[in-house]
Amino acid sequence: MFARLNSLWLAAPLLMLAGALVHFSMAPYTLWPLAIICPWLLGLSLYRSTPSGDFWRALSFNLGLCGAGVSWIYVSISQYGSTTPAIAA
């Protein structure tokens, strides 16, 4: 497992998935161990990486984190802000 995190091509999809899974640690799912495990995977992959590898690994984690969270912005604006879907998008 640890050797696979050294390869950027294998680590990037895993880290993107780990970033997306962080959202399941919050309400309504409350799988709180994911809030510890997912960033730990990022730190584990950054341990013996080059600076450019660090950038790509952190970018893939944050793309998963922010990409999964963008849908909540649309929901909060359209449903709770009482706007039309065209304005919310």
N, C-alpha and C. Protein backbone atom coordinates (compact mmCIF):
# COMPACT_ATOMS: atom_id res chain seq x y z
N MET A 1 0.82 -1.19 0.00
CA MET A 1 0.00 0.00 0.00
C MET A 1 0.86 1.26 0.00
N PHE A 2 1.89 1.27 0.85
CA PHE A 2 2.72 2.46 0.95
C PHE A 2 3.53 2.68 -0.31
N ALA A 3 3.95 1.61 -0.98
CA ALA A 3 4.71 1.77 -2.21
C ALA A 3 3.84 2.36 -3.31
N ARG A 4 2.56 2.09 -3.29
CA ARG A 4 1.67 2.63 -4.31
C ARG A 4 1.49 4.14 -4.17
N LEU A 5 1.62 4.64 -2.97
CA LEU A 5 1.48 6.07 -2.77
C LEU A 5 2.67 6.84 -3.29
N ASN A 6 3.79 6.16 -3.57
CA ASN A 6 4.96 6.83 -4.12
C ASN A 6 4.79 7.16 -5.59
N SER A 7 3.99 6.40 -6.31
CA SER A 7 3.74 6.66 -7.72
C SER A 7 2.62 7.69 -7.85
N LEU A 8 2.91 8.78 -8.54
CA LEU A 8 1.93 9.86 -8.68
C LEU A 8 0.70 9.40 -9.45
N TRP A 9 0.88 8.54 -10.44
CA TRP A 9 -0.24 8.09 -11.26
C TRP A 9 -1.21 7.22 -10.47
N LEU A 10 -0.71 6.53 -9.47
CA LEU A 10 -1.60 5.74 -8.63
C LEU A 10 -2.12 6.53 -7.44
N ALA A 11 -1.32 7.49 -6.97
CA ALA A 11 -1.71 8.25 -5.79
C ALA A 11 -2.77 9.31 -6.10
N ALA A 12 -2.73 9.89 -7.28
CA ALA A 12 -3.65 10.99 -7.61
C ALA A 12 -5.12 10.56 -7.55
N PRO A 13 -5.53 9.46 -8.17
CA PRO A 13 -6.95 9.07 -8.06
C PRO A 13 -7.34 8.68 -6.63
N LEU A 14 -6.41 8.04 -5.92
CA LEU A 14 -6.70 7.67 -4.54
C LEU A 14 -6.88 8.90 -3.67
N LEU A 15 -6.05 9.90 -3.87
CA LEU A 15 -6.16 11.13 -3.09
C LEU A 15 -7.39 11.94 -3.48
N MET A 16 -7.78 11.89 -4.74
CA MET A 16 -9.00 12.58 -5.15
C MET A 16 -10.22 11.93 -4.50
N LEU A 17 -10.21 10.62 -4.43
CA LEU A 17 -11.29 9.90 -3.75
C LEU A 17 -11.27 10.20 -2.26
N ALA A 18 -10.09 10.26 -1.66
CA ALA A 18 -9.98 10.57 -0.23
C ALA A 18 -10.50 11.98 0.05
N GLY A 19 -10.22 12.92 -0.82
CA GLY A 19 -10.74 14.27 -0.64
C GLY A 19 -12.25 14.32 -0.74
N ALA A 20 -12.81 13.55 -1.65
CA ALA A 20 -14.26 13.52 -1.78
C ALA A 20 -14.92 12.83 -0.59
N LEU A 21 -14.25 11.87 0.01
CA LEU A 21 -14.82 11.14 1.13
C LEU A 21 -14.85 11.96 2.42
N VAL A 22 -14.09 13.04 2.48
CA VAL A 22 -14.09 13.87 3.68
C VAL A 22 -15.49 14.40 3.98
N HIS A 23 -16.29 14.64 2.95
CA HIS A 23 -17.63 15.19 3.15
C HIS A 23 -18.55 14.21 3.87
N PHE A 24 -18.24 12.94 3.82
CA PHE A 24 -19.06 11.96 4.53
C PHE A 24 -18.78 11.96 6.03
N SER A 25 -17.77 12.71 6.46
CA SER A 25 -17.50 12.80 7.90
C SER A 25 -18.38 13.84 8.57
N MET A 26 -19.11 14.60 7.79
CA MET A 26 -19.98 15.66 8.33
C MET A 26 -21.43 15.23 8.26
N ALA A 27 -22.31 16.05 8.81
CA ALA A 27 -23.73 15.75 8.80
C ALA A 27 -24.22 15.72 7.36
N PRO A 28 -25.15 14.91 7.01
CA PRO A 28 -25.96 13.99 7.79
C PRO A 28 -25.35 12.60 7.94
N TYR A 29 -24.19 12.32 7.40
CA TYR A 29 -23.62 10.98 7.43
C TYR A 29 -22.85 10.70 8.72
N THR A 30 -22.12 11.66 9.22
CA THR A 30 -21.34 11.61 10.46
C THR A 30 -20.47 10.37 10.59
N LEU A 31 -19.74 10.06 9.55
CA LEU A 31 -18.73 9.00 9.61
C LEU A 31 -17.41 9.66 10.01
N TRP A 32 -17.33 10.08 11.26
CA TRP A 32 -16.25 10.94 11.74
C TRP A 32 -14.85 10.38 11.55
N PRO A 33 -14.61 9.06 11.51
CA PRO A 33 -13.24 8.61 11.29
C PRO A 33 -12.67 9.03 9.93
N LEU A 34 -13.53 9.30 8.96
CA LEU A 34 -13.05 9.75 7.66
C LEU A 34 -12.37 11.11 7.74
N ALA A 35 -12.74 11.93 8.72
CA ALA A 35 -12.11 13.23 8.90
C ALA A 35 -10.67 13.09 9.37
N ILE A 36 -10.32 11.95 9.91
CA ILE A 36 -8.95 11.69 10.35
C ILE A 36 -8.18 10.90 9.31
N ILE A 37 -8.82 9.89 8.73
CA ILE A 37 -8.14 8.97 7.81
C ILE A 37 -7.79 9.64 6.48
N CYS A 38 -8.70 10.40 5.92
CA CYS A 38 -8.47 10.98 4.59
C CYS A 38 -7.32 11.99 4.57
N PRO A 39 -7.26 12.95 5.48
CA PRO A 39 -6.08 13.82 5.49
C PRO A 39 -4.79 13.08 5.86
N TRP A 40 -4.93 12.01 6.66
CA TRP A 40 -3.76 11.19 6.98
C TRP A 40 -3.18 10.56 5.72
N LEU A 41 -4.05 10.12 4.81
CA LEU A 41 -3.58 9.56 3.54
C LEU A 41 -2.82 10.61 2.73
N LEU A 42 -3.30 11.85 2.75
CA LEU A 42 -2.58 12.92 2.06
C LEU A 42 -1.21 13.12 2.69
N GLY A 43 -1.15 13.19 4.00
CA GLY A 43 0.13 13.36 4.67
C GLY A 43 1.07 12.20 4.43
N LEU A 44 0.53 11.00 4.36
CA LEU A 44 1.34 9.82 4.09
C LEU A 44 1.94 9.86 2.69
N SER A 45 1.17 10.33 1.74
CA SER A 45 1.69 10.39 0.37
C SER A 45 2.68 11.54 0.19
N LEU A 46 2.61 12.57 1.03
CA LEU A 46 3.54 13.69 0.93
C LEU A 46 4.85 13.43 1.66
N TYR A 47 4.94 12.33 2.40
CA TYR A 47 6.08 12.11 3.29
C TYR A 47 7.42 12.11 2.58
N ARG A 48 7.59 11.35 1.54
CA ARG A 48 8.87 11.30 0.82
C ARG A 48 8.66 11.62 -0.65
N SER A 49 8.05 12.73 -0.89
CA SER A 49 7.76 13.14 -2.26
C SER A 49 8.59 14.37 -2.62
N THR A 50 8.71 14.61 -3.91
CA THR A 50 9.41 15.80 -4.38
C THR A 50 8.48 17.00 -4.28
N PRO A 51 9.01 18.22 -4.34
CA PRO A 51 8.12 19.40 -4.28
C PRO A 51 7.08 19.44 -5.40
N SER A 52 7.46 19.04 -6.61
CA SER A 52 6.45 19.03 -7.68
C SER A 52 5.44 17.92 -7.45
N GLY A 53 5.87 16.79 -6.90
CA GLY A 53 4.94 15.72 -6.56
C GLY A 53 4.00 16.13 -5.45
N ASP A 54 4.52 16.92 -4.49
CA ASP A 54 3.68 17.44 -3.42
C ASP A 54 2.56 18.30 -3.98
N PHE A 55 2.90 19.13 -4.95
CA PHE A 55 1.90 20.01 -5.56
C PHE A 55 0.79 19.20 -6.21
N TRP A 56 1.14 18.20 -7.01
CA TRP A 56 0.13 17.43 -7.73
C TRP A 56 -0.70 16.57 -6.79
N ARG A 57 -0.07 16.05 -5.75
CA ARG A 57 -0.82 15.26 -4.77
C ARG A 57 -1.81 16.13 -4.00
N ALA A 58 -1.35 17.29 -3.55
CA ALA A 58 -2.24 18.19 -2.82
C ALA A 58 -3.35 18.73 -3.73
N LEU A 59 -3.02 18.99 -4.98
CA LEU A 59 -4.02 19.46 -5.93
C LEU A 59 -5.10 18.41 -6.16
N SER A 60 -4.71 17.16 -6.32
CA SER A 60 -5.71 16.12 -6.56
C SER A 60 -6.59 15.91 -5.33
N PHE A 61 -6.01 15.97 -4.12
CA PHE A 61 -6.82 15.86 -2.90
C PHE A 61 -7.83 17.01 -2.83
N ASN A 62 -7.37 18.22 -3.09
CA ASN A 62 -8.26 19.38 -2.99
C ASN A 62 -9.28 19.45 -4.11
N LEU A 63 -8.96 18.91 -5.28
CA LEU A 63 -9.97 18.83 -6.34
C LEU A 63 -11.10 17.90 -5.93
N GLY A 64 -10.75 16.80 -5.29
CA GLY A 64 -11.78 15.90 -4.79
C GLY A 64 -12.58 16.53 -3.67
N LEU A 65 -11.89 17.25 -2.79
CA LEU A 65 -12.56 17.90 -1.65
C LEU A 65 -13.51 19.00 -2.12
N CYS A 66 -13.03 19.88 -2.97
CA CYS A 66 -13.85 20.99 -3.44
C CYS A 66 -14.85 20.56 -4.50
N GLY A 67 -14.48 19.61 -5.32
CA GLY A 67 -15.39 19.13 -6.36
C GLY A 67 -16.63 18.47 -5.78
N ALA A 68 -16.46 17.75 -4.70
CA ALA A 68 -17.62 17.11 -4.06
C ALA A 68 -18.44 18.12 -3.27
N GLY A 69 -17.84 19.21 -2.85
CA GLY A 69 -18.55 20.19 -2.05
C GLY A 69 -19.27 21.26 -2.83
N VAL A 70 -19.00 21.36 -4.12
CA VAL A 70 -19.61 22.41 -4.93
C VAL A 70 -21.12 22.21 -5.06
N SER A 71 -21.58 20.98 -5.06
CA SER A 71 -23.01 20.73 -5.21
C SER A 71 -23.80 21.30 -4.03
N TRP A 72 -23.18 21.36 -2.86
CA TRP A 72 -23.87 21.92 -1.70
C TRP A 72 -24.11 23.41 -1.85
N ILE A 73 -23.25 24.09 -2.56
CA ILE A 73 -23.45 25.52 -2.78
C ILE A 73 -24.68 25.75 -3.64
N TYR A 74 -24.83 24.94 -4.68
CA TYR A 74 -26.01 25.05 -5.54
C TYR A 74 -27.29 24.75 -4.76
N VAL A 75 -27.26 23.71 -3.94
CA VAL A 75 -28.44 23.34 -3.17
C VAL A 75 -28.80 24.44 -2.18
N SER A 76 -27.82 24.99 -1.51
CA SER A 76 -28.12 26.02 -0.52
C SER A 76 -28.65 27.30 -1.16
N ILE A 77 -28.14 27.64 -2.34
CA ILE A 77 -28.62 28.86 -3.00
C ILE A 77 -30.01 28.65 -3.59
N SER A 78 -30.23 27.52 -4.26
CA SER A 78 -31.50 27.32 -4.95
C SER A 78 -32.64 26.96 -4.01
N GLN A 79 -32.38 26.08 -3.04
CA GLN A 79 -33.47 25.65 -2.17
C GLN A 79 -33.67 26.56 -0.96
N TYR A 80 -32.61 26.89 -0.30
CA TYR A 80 -32.74 27.68 0.92
C TYR A 80 -32.71 29.17 0.66
N GLY A 81 -32.17 29.57 -0.47
CA GLY A 81 -32.14 30.99 -0.82
C GLY A 81 -33.34 31.41 -1.65
N SER A 82 -34.18 30.45 -2.01
CA SER A 82 -35.41 30.67 -2.77
C SER A 82 -35.14 31.43 -4.08
N THR A 83 -34.14 30.96 -4.81
CA THR A 83 -33.85 31.55 -6.12
C THR A 83 -34.17 30.54 -7.21
N THR A 84 -34.19 31.01 -8.41
CA THR A 84 -34.43 30.11 -9.54
C THR A 84 -33.16 29.31 -9.82
N PRO A 85 -33.28 28.15 -10.47
CA PRO A 85 -32.10 27.35 -10.78
C PRO A 85 -31.10 28.07 -11.69
N ALA A 86 -31.58 28.95 -12.56
CA ALA A 86 -30.66 29.67 -13.44
C ALA A 86 -29.77 30.64 -12.66
N ILE A 87 -30.31 31.27 -11.65
CA ILE A 87 -29.52 32.19 -10.83
C ILE A 87 -28.58 31.41 -9.92
N ALA A 88 -29.02 30.28 -9.42
CA ALA A 88 -28.19 29.48 -8.52
C ALA A 88 -27.00 28.88 -9.24
N ALA A 89 -27.15 28.59 -10.52
CA ALA A 89 -26.04 27.99 -11.27
C ALA A 89 -25.04 29.05 -11.59
